[in-house]
Amino acid sequence: LTHKIVGKISWSAVPGLVYIDLPENTSDKYVTCIKVTLDAPIKLYRGQGGFLTN
């Protein structure tokens, strides 16, 4: 499946959001559930985001 990461800044430790593209013919009108199998244990970001100001 294809995916895209949004909100990630290359120099920041704050991760972005991962959106997974699903084929239309696999999606239900009301709800769709997917199983994601990872290659390694997940590392959750426990910091906080913020706003950049000048």
N, C-alpha and C. Protein backbone atom coordinates (compact mmCIF):
# COMPACT_ATOMS: atom_id res chain seq x y z
N LEU A 1 0.84 -1.18 0.00
CA LEU A 1 0.00 0.00 0.00
C LEU A 1 0.88 1.24 0.00
N THR A 2 0.39 2.26 -0.65
CA THR A 2 1.13 3.52 -0.64
C THR A 2 0.73 4.32 0.59
N HIS A 3 1.60 5.24 0.96
CA HIS A 3 1.33 6.08 2.13
C HIS A 3 1.98 7.44 1.94
N LYS A 4 1.60 8.39 2.77
CA LYS A 4 2.25 9.69 2.76
C LYS A 4 2.39 10.17 4.20
N ILE A 5 3.46 10.91 4.45
CA ILE A 5 3.71 11.49 5.77
C ILE A 5 3.53 12.99 5.65
N VAL A 6 2.70 13.55 6.51
CA VAL A 6 2.46 14.99 6.49
C VAL A 6 2.81 15.58 7.86
N GLY A 7 3.21 16.83 7.86
CA GLY A 7 3.51 17.52 9.10
C GLY A 7 4.88 17.24 9.67
N LYS A 8 5.73 16.54 8.97
CA LYS A 8 7.08 16.23 9.44
C LYS A 8 8.05 17.26 8.89
N ILE A 9 8.82 17.86 9.79
CA ILE A 9 9.86 18.81 9.39
C ILE A 9 11.19 18.07 9.51
N SER A 10 12.02 18.13 8.48
CA SER A 10 13.24 17.31 8.42
C SER A 10 14.17 17.50 9.61
N TRP A 11 14.27 18.70 10.14
CA TRP A 11 15.20 18.97 11.24
C TRP A 11 14.58 18.79 12.62
N SER A 12 13.33 18.41 12.69
CA SER A 12 12.63 18.30 13.97
C SER A 12 12.47 16.84 14.39
N ALA A 13 12.50 16.62 15.70
CA ALA A 13 12.27 15.26 16.23
C ALA A 13 10.78 14.92 16.28
N VAL A 14 9.93 15.91 16.07
CA VAL A 14 8.48 15.69 16.10
C VAL A 14 8.07 14.92 14.85
N PRO A 15 7.47 13.75 15.02
CA PRO A 15 7.08 12.97 13.84
C PRO A 15 5.87 13.57 13.14
N GLY A 16 5.69 13.18 11.93
CA GLY A 16 4.50 13.60 11.20
C GLY A 16 3.40 12.56 11.36
N LEU A 17 2.35 12.74 10.60
CA LEU A 17 1.24 11.79 10.57
C LEU A 17 1.37 10.93 9.33
N VAL A 18 1.09 9.65 9.45
CA VAL A 18 1.17 8.73 8.32
C VAL A 18 -0.25 8.42 7.85
N TYR A 19 -0.52 8.71 6.60
CA TYR A 19 -1.81 8.38 5.98
C TYR A 19 -1.57 7.22 5.02
N ILE A 20 -2.34 6.15 5.17
CA ILE A 20 -2.22 4.97 4.32
C ILE A 20 -3.34 5.01 3.29
N ASP A 21 -2.97 4.94 2.02
CA ASP A 21 -3.95 4.94 0.94
C ASP A 21 -4.50 3.52 0.75
N LEU A 22 -5.81 3.40 0.81
CA LEU A 22 -6.47 2.11 0.60
C LEU A 22 -7.19 2.11 -0.74
N PRO A 23 -7.15 1.00 -1.45
CA PRO A 23 -7.91 0.91 -2.70
C PRO A 23 -9.40 1.12 -2.42
N GLU A 24 -10.07 1.86 -3.30
CA GLU A 24 -11.49 2.16 -3.10
C GLU A 24 -12.35 0.90 -2.96
N ASN A 25 -12.00 -0.13 -3.71
CA ASN A 25 -12.83 -1.35 -3.68
C ASN A 25 -12.68 -2.14 -2.38
N THR A 26 -11.78 -1.72 -1.48
CA THR A 26 -11.62 -2.41 -0.20
C THR A 26 -12.25 -1.63 0.95
N SER A 27 -12.77 -0.45 0.68
CA SER A 27 -13.33 0.40 1.72
C SER A 27 -14.84 0.23 1.82
N ASP A 28 -15.33 0.18 3.05
CA ASP A 28 -16.76 0.09 3.32
C ASP A 28 -17.35 1.50 3.36
N LYS A 29 -18.62 1.61 3.09
CA LYS A 29 -19.30 2.91 3.08
C LYS A 29 -19.28 3.56 4.47
N TYR A 30 -19.35 2.76 5.52
CA TYR A 30 -19.49 3.31 6.88
C TYR A 30 -18.22 3.19 7.73
N VAL A 31 -17.54 2.07 7.64
CA VAL A 31 -16.34 1.89 8.47
C VAL A 31 -15.41 0.88 7.80
N THR A 32 -14.12 1.13 7.91
CA THR A 32 -13.11 0.22 7.38
C THR A 32 -12.05 0.02 8.46
N CYS A 33 -11.67 -1.21 8.69
CA CYS A 33 -10.66 -1.54 9.69
C CYS A 33 -9.51 -2.24 8.97
N ILE A 34 -8.29 -1.82 9.27
CA ILE A 34 -7.14 -2.47 8.66
C ILE A 34 -6.20 -2.97 9.76
N LYS A 35 -5.43 -3.97 9.44
CA LYS A 35 -4.41 -4.49 10.34
C LYS A 35 -3.06 -4.04 9.80
N VAL A 36 -2.27 -3.42 10.65
CA VAL A 36 -0.94 -2.95 10.25
C VAL A 36 0.09 -3.82 10.95
N THR A 37 0.94 -4.48 10.18
CA THR A 37 2.01 -5.30 10.72
C THR A 37 3.32 -4.54 10.55
N LEU A 38 4.02 -4.33 11.66
CA LEU A 38 5.25 -3.55 11.64
C LEU A 38 6.46 -4.47 11.59
N ASP A 39 7.57 -3.97 11.03
CA ASP A 39 8.81 -4.73 10.95
C ASP A 39 9.56 -4.75 12.28
N ALA A 40 9.28 -3.78 13.15
CA ALA A 40 9.97 -3.65 14.43
C ALA A 40 8.98 -3.08 15.45
N PRO A 41 9.32 -3.18 16.74
CA PRO A 41 8.43 -2.58 17.75
C PRO A 41 8.25 -1.09 17.49
N ILE A 42 7.06 -0.60 17.77
CA ILE A 42 6.75 0.81 17.55
C ILE A 42 7.45 1.68 18.60
N LYS A 43 7.94 2.84 18.18
CA LYS A 43 8.54 3.81 19.09
C LYS A 43 7.62 5.03 19.11
N LEU A 44 6.84 5.17 20.17
CA LEU A 44 5.90 6.28 20.26
C LEU A 44 6.60 7.57 20.64
N TYR A 45 6.21 8.65 20.00
CA TYR A 45 6.73 9.97 20.34
C TYR A 45 5.98 10.46 21.57
N ARG A 46 6.69 10.79 22.63
CA ARG A 46 6.04 11.21 23.87
C ARG A 46 6.33 12.67 24.20
N GLY A 47 6.92 13.39 23.27
CA GLY A 47 7.19 14.81 23.47
C GLY A 47 5.96 15.62 23.13
N GLN A 48 6.17 16.88 22.92
CA GLN A 48 5.05 17.74 22.54
C GLN A 48 5.43 18.56 21.33
N GLY A 49 4.45 18.85 20.52
CA GLY A 49 4.66 19.70 19.37
C GLY A 49 4.57 21.15 19.79
N GLY A 50 4.57 22.02 18.84
CA GLY A 50 4.47 23.43 19.18
C GLY A 50 4.39 24.27 17.92
N PHE A 51 4.37 25.56 18.10
CA PHE A 51 4.31 26.50 16.99
C PHE A 51 5.64 27.20 16.85
N LEU A 52 6.02 27.48 15.63
CA LEU A 52 7.22 28.27 15.38
C LEU A 52 6.85 29.74 15.40
N THR A 53 7.61 30.52 16.11
CA THR A 53 7.37 31.97 16.14
C THR A 53 8.67 32.69 15.83
N ASN A 54 8.56 33.87 15.29
CA ASN A 54 9.75 34.67 14.97
C ASN A 54 10.14 35.52 16.14
